[in-house]
Full PDB file with SEQRES, HELIX, SHEET, SSBOND, CRYST1, ORIGX, SCALE, CONECT and MASTER records, all heavy atoms in Angstrom:
SEQRES   1 A   33  GLY ALA LEU ALA ALA LEU ALA SER VAL GLY LEU VAL ARG          
SEQRES   2 A   33  ARG ALA GLY ARG ASP LEU GLU ALA GLY LYS ALA GLN ILE          
SEQRES   3 A   33  GLU ALA ARG ASP ASP THR ALA                                  
HELIX    1 AA1 ALA A    2  LEU A    6  1                                   5    
HELIX    2 AA2 VAL A    9  GLU A   20  1                                  12    
CRYST1    1.000    1.000    1.000  90.00  90.00  90.00 P 1           1          
ORIGX1      1.000000  0.000000  0.000000        0.00000                         
ORIGX2      0.000000  1.000000  0.000000        0.00000                         
ORIGX3      0.000000  0.000000  1.000000        0.00000                         
SCALE1      1.000000  0.000000  0.000000        0.00000                         
SCALE2      0.000000  1.000000  0.000000        0.00000                         
SCALE3      0.000000  0.000000  1.000000        0.00000                         
ATOM      1  N   GLY A   1     -44.185 -43.851 120.503  1.00  0.00           N  
ATOM      2  CA  GLY A   1     -43.138 -43.528 121.473  1.00  0.00           C  
ATOM      3  C   GLY A   1     -41.777 -44.039 121.031  1.00  0.00           C  
ATOM      4  O   GLY A   1     -40.766 -43.338 121.155  1.00  0.00           O  
ATOM      5  N   ALA A   2     -41.751 -45.256 120.503  1.00  0.00           N  
ATOM      6  CA  ALA A   2     -40.483 -45.826 120.022  1.00  0.00           C  
ATOM      7  C   ALA A   2     -39.973 -45.052 118.816  1.00  0.00           C  
ATOM      8  O   ALA A   2     -38.775 -44.776 118.711  1.00  0.00           O  
ATOM      9  CB  ALA A   2     -40.665 -47.299 119.680  1.00  0.00           C  
ATOM     10  N   LEU A   3     -40.875 -44.696 117.901  1.00  0.00           N  
ATOM     11  CA  LEU A   3     -40.455 -43.912 116.738  1.00  0.00           C  
ATOM     12  C   LEU A   3     -39.937 -42.546 117.162  1.00  0.00           C  
ATOM     13  O   LEU A   3     -38.943 -42.051 116.631  1.00  0.00           O  
ATOM     14  CB  LEU A   3     -41.612 -43.767 115.748  1.00  0.00           C  
ATOM     15  CG  LEU A   3     -42.053 -45.050 115.059  1.00  0.00           C  
ATOM     16  CD1 LEU A   3     -43.319 -44.801 114.239  1.00  0.00           C  
ATOM     17  CD2 LEU A   3     -40.942 -45.623 114.194  1.00  0.00           C  
ATOM     18  N   ALA A   4     -40.588 -41.923 118.145  1.00  0.00           N  
ATOM     19  CA  ALA A   4     -40.138 -40.623 118.638  1.00  0.00           C  
ATOM     20  C   ALA A   4     -38.759 -40.730 119.272  1.00  0.00           C  
ATOM     21  O   ALA A   4     -37.934 -39.822 119.143  1.00  0.00           O  
ATOM     22  CB  ALA A   4     -41.146 -40.059 119.633  1.00  0.00           C  
ATOM     23  N   ALA A   5     -38.480 -41.841 119.950  1.00  0.00           N  
ATOM     24  CA  ALA A   5     -37.166 -42.035 120.551  1.00  0.00           C  
ATOM     25  C   ALA A   5     -36.098 -42.195 119.473  1.00  0.00           C  
ATOM     26  O   ALA A   5     -34.952 -41.778 119.661  1.00  0.00           O  
ATOM     27  CB  ALA A   5     -37.172 -43.255 121.470  1.00  0.00           C  
ATOM     28  N   LEU A   6     -36.463 -42.788 118.338  1.00  0.00           N  
ATOM     29  CA  LEU A   6     -35.517 -42.968 117.242  1.00  0.00           C  
ATOM     30  C   LEU A   6     -35.315 -41.687 116.441  1.00  0.00           C  
ATOM     31  O   LEU A   6     -34.256 -41.479 115.854  1.00  0.00           O  
ATOM     32  CB  LEU A   6     -36.001 -44.079 116.300  1.00  0.00           C  
ATOM     33  CG  LEU A   6     -35.986 -45.489 116.876  1.00  0.00           C  
ATOM     34  CD1 LEU A   6     -36.733 -46.439 115.944  1.00  0.00           C  
ATOM     35  CD2 LEU A   6     -34.556 -45.955 117.089  1.00  0.00           C  
ATOM     36  N   ALA A   7     -36.332 -40.842 116.379  1.00  0.00           N  
ATOM     37  CA  ALA A   7     -36.255 -39.612 115.586  1.00  0.00           C  
ATOM     38  C   ALA A   7     -36.507 -38.429 116.513  1.00  0.00           C  
ATOM     39  O   ALA A   7     -35.605 -37.959 117.177  1.00  0.00           O  
ATOM     40  CB  ALA A   7     -37.262 -39.659 114.452  1.00  0.00           C  
ATOM     41  N   SER A   8     -37.736 -37.964 116.552  1.00  0.00           N  
ATOM     42  CA  SER A   8     -38.145 -36.912 117.480  1.00  0.00           C  
ATOM     43  C   SER A   8     -39.665 -36.900 117.535  1.00  0.00           C  
ATOM     44  O   SER A   8     -40.332 -37.321 116.581  1.00  0.00           O  
ATOM     45  CB  SER A   8     -37.627 -35.540 117.058  1.00  0.00           C  
ATOM     46  OG  SER A   8     -38.347 -35.064 115.934  1.00  0.00           O  
ATOM     47  N   VAL A   9     -40.205 -36.413 118.637  1.00  0.00           N  
ATOM     48  CA  VAL A   9     -41.651 -36.347 118.799  1.00  0.00           C  
ATOM     49  C   VAL A   9     -42.255 -35.486 117.694  1.00  0.00           C  
ATOM     50  O   VAL A   9     -43.257 -35.840 117.078  1.00  0.00           O  
ATOM     51  CB  VAL A   9     -42.028 -35.806 120.190  1.00  0.00           C  
ATOM     52  CG1 VAL A   9     -43.527 -35.559 120.294  1.00  0.00           C  
ATOM     53  CG2 VAL A   9     -41.576 -36.763 121.271  1.00  0.00           C  
ATOM     54  N   GLY A  10     -41.633 -34.349 117.418  1.00  0.00           N  
ATOM     55  CA  GLY A  10     -42.139 -33.439 116.394  1.00  0.00           C  
ATOM     56  C   GLY A  10     -42.168 -34.066 115.019  1.00  0.00           C  
ATOM     57  O   GLY A  10     -43.123 -33.877 114.254  1.00  0.00           O  
ATOM     58  N   LEU A  11     -41.149 -34.823 114.682  1.00  0.00           N  
ATOM     59  CA  LEU A  11     -41.094 -35.480 113.382  1.00  0.00           C  
ATOM     60  C   LEU A  11     -42.202 -36.521 113.241  1.00  0.00           C  
ATOM     61  O   LEU A  11     -42.872 -36.598 112.212  1.00  0.00           O  
ATOM     62  CB  LEU A  11     -39.724 -36.132 113.181  1.00  0.00           C  
ATOM     63  CG  LEU A  11     -39.486 -36.795 111.841  1.00  0.00           C  
ATOM     64  CD1 LEU A  11     -39.537 -35.779 110.709  1.00  0.00           C  
ATOM     65  CD2 LEU A  11     -38.143 -37.499 111.858  1.00  0.00           C  
ATOM     66  N   VAL A  12     -42.434 -37.288 114.299  1.00  0.00           N  
ATOM     67  CA  VAL A  12     -43.489 -38.305 114.273  1.00  0.00           C  
ATOM     68  C   VAL A  12     -44.859 -37.640 114.158  1.00  0.00           C  
ATOM     69  O   VAL A  12     -45.712 -38.069 113.381  1.00  0.00           O  
ATOM     70  CB  VAL A  12     -43.411 -39.219 115.512  1.00  0.00           C  
ATOM     71  CG1 VAL A  12     -44.605 -40.161 115.588  1.00  0.00           C  
ATOM     72  CG2 VAL A  12     -42.104 -40.009 115.502  1.00  0.00           C  
ATOM     73  N   ARG A  13     -45.078 -36.559 114.896  1.00  0.00           N  
ATOM     74  CA  ARG A  13     -46.360 -35.845 114.814  1.00  0.00           C  
ATOM     75  C   ARG A  13     -46.585 -35.271 113.421  1.00  0.00           C  
ATOM     76  O   ARG A  13     -47.672 -35.360 112.862  1.00  0.00           O  
ATOM     77  CB  ARG A  13     -46.411 -34.737 115.856  1.00  0.00           C  
ATOM     78  CG  ARG A  13     -46.589 -35.250 117.248  1.00  0.00           C  
ATOM     79  CD  ARG A  13     -46.689 -34.115 118.235  1.00  0.00           C  
ATOM     80  NE  ARG A  13     -46.781 -34.644 119.577  1.00  0.00           N  
ATOM     81  CZ  ARG A  13     -46.411 -33.997 120.658  1.00  0.00           C  
ATOM     82  NH1 ARG A  13     -45.923 -32.773 120.566  1.00  0.00           N  
ATOM     83  NH2 ARG A  13     -46.526 -34.553 121.838  1.00  0.00           N  
ATOM     84  N   ARG A  14     -45.534 -34.651 112.853  1.00  0.00           N  
ATOM     85  CA  ARG A  14     -45.668 -34.075 111.515  1.00  0.00           C  
ATOM     86  C   ARG A  14     -45.968 -35.164 110.494  1.00  0.00           C  
ATOM     87  O   ARG A  14     -46.808 -34.990 109.609  1.00  0.00           O  
ATOM     88  CB  ARG A  14     -44.404 -33.334 111.118  1.00  0.00           C  
ATOM     89  CG  ARG A  14     -44.520 -32.769 109.725  1.00  0.00           C  
ATOM     90  CD  ARG A  14     -43.318 -32.007 109.284  1.00  0.00           C  
ATOM     91  NE  ARG A  14     -43.485 -31.675 107.879  1.00  0.00           N  
ATOM     92  CZ  ARG A  14     -42.504 -31.336 107.090  1.00  0.00           C  
ATOM     93  NH1 ARG A  14     -41.282 -31.252 107.550  1.00  0.00           N  
ATOM     94  NH2 ARG A  14     -42.724 -31.047 105.837  1.00  0.00           N  
ATOM     95  N   ALA A  15     -45.298 -36.293 110.592  1.00  0.00           N  
ATOM     96  CA  ALA A  15     -45.534 -37.397 109.660  1.00  0.00           C  
ATOM     97  C   ALA A  15     -46.987 -37.855 109.736  1.00  0.00           C  
ATOM     98  O   ALA A  15     -47.624 -38.088 108.707  1.00  0.00           O  
ATOM     99  CB  ALA A  15     -44.592 -38.551 109.963  1.00  0.00           C  
ATOM    100  N   GLY A  16     -47.523 -37.964 110.939  1.00  0.00           N  
ATOM    101  CA  GLY A  16     -48.924 -38.354 111.111  1.00  0.00           C  
ATOM    102  C   GLY A  16     -49.868 -37.343 110.491  1.00  0.00           C  
ATOM    103  O   GLY A  16     -50.828 -37.710 109.796  1.00  0.00           O  
ATOM    104  N   ARG A  17     -49.603 -36.053 110.724  1.00  0.00           N  
ATOM    105  CA  ARG A  17     -50.447 -35.005 110.138  1.00  0.00           C  
ATOM    106  C   ARG A  17     -50.356 -35.010 108.613  1.00  0.00           C  
ATOM    107  O   ARG A  17     -51.355 -34.837 107.924  1.00  0.00           O  
ATOM    108  CB  ARG A  17     -50.053 -33.631 110.687  1.00  0.00           C  
ATOM    109  CG  ARG A  17     -50.493 -33.388 112.110  1.00  0.00           C  
ATOM    110  CD  ARG A  17     -50.361 -31.927 112.517  1.00  0.00           C  
ATOM    111  NE  ARG A  17     -49.037 -31.372 112.270  1.00  0.00           N  
ATOM    112  CZ  ARG A  17     -48.041 -31.335 113.151  1.00  0.00           C  
ATOM    113  NH1 ARG A  17     -48.216 -31.816 114.357  1.00  0.00           N  
ATOM    114  NH2 ARG A  17     -46.885 -30.789 112.839  1.00  0.00           N  
ATOM    115  N   ASP A  18     -49.141 -35.195 108.089  1.00  0.00           N  
ATOM    116  CA  ASP A  18     -48.966 -35.221 106.638  1.00  0.00           C  
ATOM    117  C   ASP A  18     -49.715 -36.385 106.006  1.00  0.00           C  
ATOM    118  O   ASP A  18     -50.328 -36.238 104.949  1.00  0.00           O  
ATOM    119  CB  ASP A  18     -47.480 -35.294 106.272  1.00  0.00           C  
ATOM    120  CG  ASP A  18     -46.757 -33.964 106.454  1.00  0.00           C  
ATOM    121  OD1 ASP A  18     -47.420 -32.948 106.770  1.00  0.00           O  
ATOM    122  OD2 ASP A  18     -45.516 -33.947 106.288  1.00  0.00           O  
ATOM    123  N   LEU A  19     -49.686 -37.555 106.646  1.00  0.00           N  
ATOM    124  CA  LEU A  19     -50.437 -38.700 106.124  1.00  0.00           C  
ATOM    125  C   LEU A  19     -51.926 -38.413 106.132  1.00  0.00           C  
ATOM    126  O   LEU A  19     -52.624 -38.671 105.152  1.00  0.00           O  
ATOM    127  CB  LEU A  19     -50.137 -39.959 106.940  1.00  0.00           C  
ATOM    128  CG  LEU A  19     -48.871 -40.710 106.571  1.00  0.00           C  
ATOM    129  CD1 LEU A  19     -48.586 -41.806 107.589  1.00  0.00           C  
ATOM    130  CD2 LEU A  19     -48.967 -41.288 105.173  1.00  0.00           C  
ATOM    131  N   GLU A  20     -52.427 -37.868 107.246  1.00  0.00           N  
ATOM    132  CA  GLU A  20     -53.853 -37.562 107.356  1.00  0.00           C  
ATOM    133  C   GLU A  20     -54.292 -36.521 106.336  1.00  0.00           C  
ATOM    134  O   GLU A  20     -55.404 -36.584 105.810  1.00  0.00           O  
ATOM    135  CB  GLU A  20     -54.186 -37.079 108.765  1.00  0.00           C  
ATOM    136  CG  GLU A  20     -54.140 -38.165 109.809  1.00  0.00           C  
ATOM    137  CD  GLU A  20     -54.363 -37.639 111.216  1.00  0.00           C  
ATOM    138  OE1 GLU A  20     -54.657 -36.442 111.384  1.00  0.00           O  
ATOM    139  OE2 GLU A  20     -54.230 -38.443 112.152  1.00  0.00           O  
ATOM    140  N   ALA A  21     -53.418 -35.554 106.042  1.00  0.00           N  
ATOM    141  CA  ALA A  21     -53.752 -34.480 105.107  1.00  0.00           C  
ATOM    142  C   ALA A  21     -53.517 -34.874 103.654  1.00  0.00           C  
ATOM    143  O   ALA A  21     -53.769 -34.085 102.750  1.00  0.00           O  
ATOM    144  CB  ALA A  21     -52.923 -33.235 105.443  1.00  0.00           C  
ATOM    145  N   GLY A  22     -53.027 -36.078 103.425  1.00  0.00           N  
ATOM    146  CA  GLY A  22     -52.779 -36.525 102.062  1.00  0.00           C  
ATOM    147  C   GLY A  22     -51.498 -35.979 101.462  1.00  0.00           C  
ATOM    148  O   GLY A  22     -51.288 -36.056 100.259  1.00  0.00           O  
ATOM    149  N   LYS A  23     -50.621 -35.393 102.291  1.00  0.00           N  
ATOM    150  CA  LYS A  23     -49.361 -34.840 101.797  1.00  0.00           C  
ATOM    151  C   LYS A  23     -48.303 -35.917 101.587  1.00  0.00           C  
ATOM    152  O   LYS A  23     -47.285 -35.663 100.959  1.00  0.00           O  
ATOM    153  CB  LYS A  23     -48.814 -33.799 102.771  1.00  0.00           C  
ATOM    154  CG  LYS A  23     -49.674 -32.565 102.890  1.00  0.00           C  
ATOM    155  CD  LYS A  23     -49.067 -31.591 103.862  1.00  0.00           C  
ATOM    156  CE  LYS A  23     -49.916 -30.346 104.021  1.00  0.00           C  
ATOM    157  NZ  LYS A  23     -49.320 -29.428 104.993  1.00  0.00           N  
ATOM    158  N   ALA A  24     -48.535 -37.090 102.117  1.00  0.00           N  
ATOM    159  CA  ALA A  24     -47.610 -38.211 101.950  1.00  0.00           C  
ATOM    160  C   ALA A  24     -48.437 -39.433 101.572  1.00  0.00           C  
ATOM    161  O   ALA A  24     -49.525 -39.634 102.103  1.00  0.00           O  
ATOM    162  CB  ALA A  24     -46.837 -38.471 103.235  1.00  0.00           C  
ATOM    163  N   GLN A  25     -47.931 -40.196 100.634  1.00  0.00           N  
ATOM    164  CA  GLN A  25     -48.636 -41.387 100.198  1.00  0.00           C  
ATOM    165  C   GLN A  25     -47.687 -42.575 100.220  1.00  0.00           C  
ATOM    166  O   GLN A  25     -46.517 -42.449  99.849  1.00  0.00           O  
ATOM    167  CB  GLN A  25     -49.170 -41.235  98.763  1.00  0.00           C  
ATOM    168  CG  GLN A  25     -50.205 -40.163  98.578  1.00  0.00           C  
ATOM    169  CD  GLN A  25     -49.597 -38.785  98.393  1.00  0.00           C  
ATOM    170  OE1 GLN A  25     -48.540 -38.649  97.821  1.00  0.00           O  
ATOM    171  NE2 GLN A  25     -50.267 -37.779  98.904  1.00  0.00           N  
ATOM    172  N   ILE A  26     -48.210 -43.716 100.640  1.00  0.00           N  
ATOM    173  CA  ILE A  26     -47.453 -44.953 100.554  1.00  0.00           C  
ATOM    174  C   ILE A  26     -47.708 -45.499  99.161  1.00  0.00           C  
ATOM    175  O   ILE A  26     -48.826 -45.877  98.828  1.00  0.00           O  
ATOM    176  CB  ILE A  26     -47.885 -45.950 101.647  1.00  0.00           C  
ATOM    177  CG1 ILE A  26     -47.624 -45.342 103.030  1.00  0.00           C  
ATOM    178  CG2 ILE A  26     -47.141 -47.275 101.480  1.00  0.00           C  
ATOM    179  CD1 ILE A  26     -48.200 -46.128 104.181  1.00  0.00           C  
ATOM    180  N   GLU A  27     -46.685 -45.479  98.322  1.00  0.00           N  
ATOM    181  CA  GLU A  27     -46.818 -45.869  96.918  1.00  0.00           C  
ATOM    182  C   GLU A  27     -46.744 -47.373  96.717  1.00  0.00           C  
ATOM    183  O   GLU A  27     -47.400 -47.914  95.846  1.00  0.00           O  
ATOM    184  CB  GLU A  27     -45.732 -45.187  96.079  1.00  0.00           C  
ATOM    185  CG  GLU A  27     -45.868 -43.682  96.037  1.00  0.00           C  
ATOM    186  CD  GLU A  27     -47.049 -43.224  95.203  1.00  0.00           C  
ATOM    187  OE1 GLU A  27     -47.225 -43.742  94.098  1.00  0.00           O  
ATOM    188  OE2 GLU A  27     -47.791 -42.346  95.674  1.00  0.00           O  
ATOM    189  N   ALA A  28     -45.892 -48.032  97.474  1.00  0.00           N  
ATOM    190  CA  ALA A  28     -45.728 -49.475  97.330  1.00  0.00           C  
ATOM    191  C   ALA A  28     -45.321 -50.034  98.681  1.00  0.00           C  
ATOM    192  O   ALA A  28     -44.643 -49.376  99.462  1.00  0.00           O  
ATOM    193  CB  ALA A  28     -44.656 -49.798  96.291  1.00  0.00           C  
ATOM    194  N   ARG A  29     -45.773 -51.273  98.937  1.00  0.00           N  
ATOM    195  CA  ARG A  29     -45.438 -51.887 100.218  1.00  0.00           C  
ATOM    196  C   ARG A  29     -45.556 -53.392 100.074  1.00  0.00           C  
ATOM    197  O   ARG A  29     -46.489 -53.895  99.481  1.00  0.00           O  
ATOM    198  CB  ARG A  29     -46.378 -51.342 101.277  1.00  0.00           C  
ATOM    199  CG  ARG A  29     -46.441 -52.108 102.536  1.00  0.00           C  
ATOM    200  CD  ARG A  29     -47.361 -51.506 103.567  1.00  0.00           C  
ATOM    201  NE  ARG A  29     -48.587 -50.960 103.026  1.00  0.00           N  
ATOM    202  CZ  ARG A  29     -49.460 -50.291 103.741  1.00  0.00           C  
ATOM    203  NH1 ARG A  29     -49.257 -50.089 105.009  1.00  0.00           N  
ATOM    204  NH2 ARG A  29     -50.559 -49.825 103.212  1.00  0.00           N  
ATOM    205  N   ASP A  30     -44.556 -54.091 100.606  1.00  0.00           N  
ATOM    206  CA  ASP A  30     -44.623 -55.545 100.692  1.00  0.00           C  
ATOM    207  C   ASP A  30     -43.853 -55.957 101.948  1.00  0.00           C  
ATOM    208  O   ASP A  30     -43.548 -55.120 102.785  1.00  0.00           O  
ATOM    209  CB  ASP A  30     -44.105 -56.231  99.424  1.00  0.00           C  
ATOM    210  CG  ASP A  30     -42.652 -55.937  99.124  1.00  0.00           C  
ATOM    211  OD1 ASP A  30     -41.870 -55.644 100.055  1.00  0.00           O  
ATOM    212  OD2 ASP A  30     -42.270 -56.018  97.951  1.00  0.00           O  
ATOM    213  N   ASP A  31     -43.546 -57.216 102.083  1.00  0.00           N  
ATOM    214  CA  ASP A  31     -42.870 -57.693 103.297  1.00  0.00           C  
ATOM    215  C   ASP A  31     -41.429 -57.221 103.422  1.00  0.00           C  
ATOM    216  O   ASP A  31     -40.834 -57.305 104.489  1.00  0.00           O  
ATOM    217  CB  ASP A  31     -42.887 -59.224 103.361  1.00  0.00           C  
ATOM    218  CG  ASP A  31     -44.236 -59.754 103.818  1.00  0.00           C  
ATOM    219  OD1 ASP A  31     -45.060 -58.954 104.317  1.00  0.00           O  
ATOM    220  OD2 ASP A  31     -44.467 -60.965 103.681  1.00  0.00           O  
ATOM    221  N   THR A  32     -40.844 -56.731 102.335  1.00  0.00           N  
ATOM    222  CA  THR A  32     -39.426 -56.387 102.387  1.00  0.00           C  
ATOM    223  C   THR A  32     -39.137 -54.910 102.209  1.00  0.00           C  
ATOM    224  O   THR A  32     -38.039 -54.462 102.527  1.00  0.00           O  
ATOM    225  CB  THR A  32     -38.638 -57.160 101.311  1.00  0.00           C  
ATOM    226  OG1 THR A  32     -39.164 -56.818 100.026  1.00  0.00           O  
ATOM    227  CG2 THR A  32     -38.738 -58.655 101.533  1.00  0.00           C  
ATOM    228  N   ALA A  33     -40.071 -54.132 101.697  1.00  0.00           N  
ATOM    229  CA  ALA A  33     -39.792 -52.720 101.445  1.00  0.00           C  
ATOM    230  C   ALA A  33     -41.077 -51.909 101.349  1.00  0.00           C  
ATOM    231  O   ALA A  33     -42.159 -52.453 101.136  1.00  0.00           O  
ATOM    232  CB  ALA A  33     -39.000 -52.555 100.156  1.00  0.00           C  
TER     233      ALA A  33                                                      
MASTER        0    0    0    2    0    0    0    6  232    1    0    3          
END                                                                             
């Protein structure tokens, strides 16, 4: 809900679907980036 308020509901839903479908990958992640 907070992410949708910052962007849009549709964008948040698409991002979730893309992650589930493997269309987006988190390549690197740590405490700062």
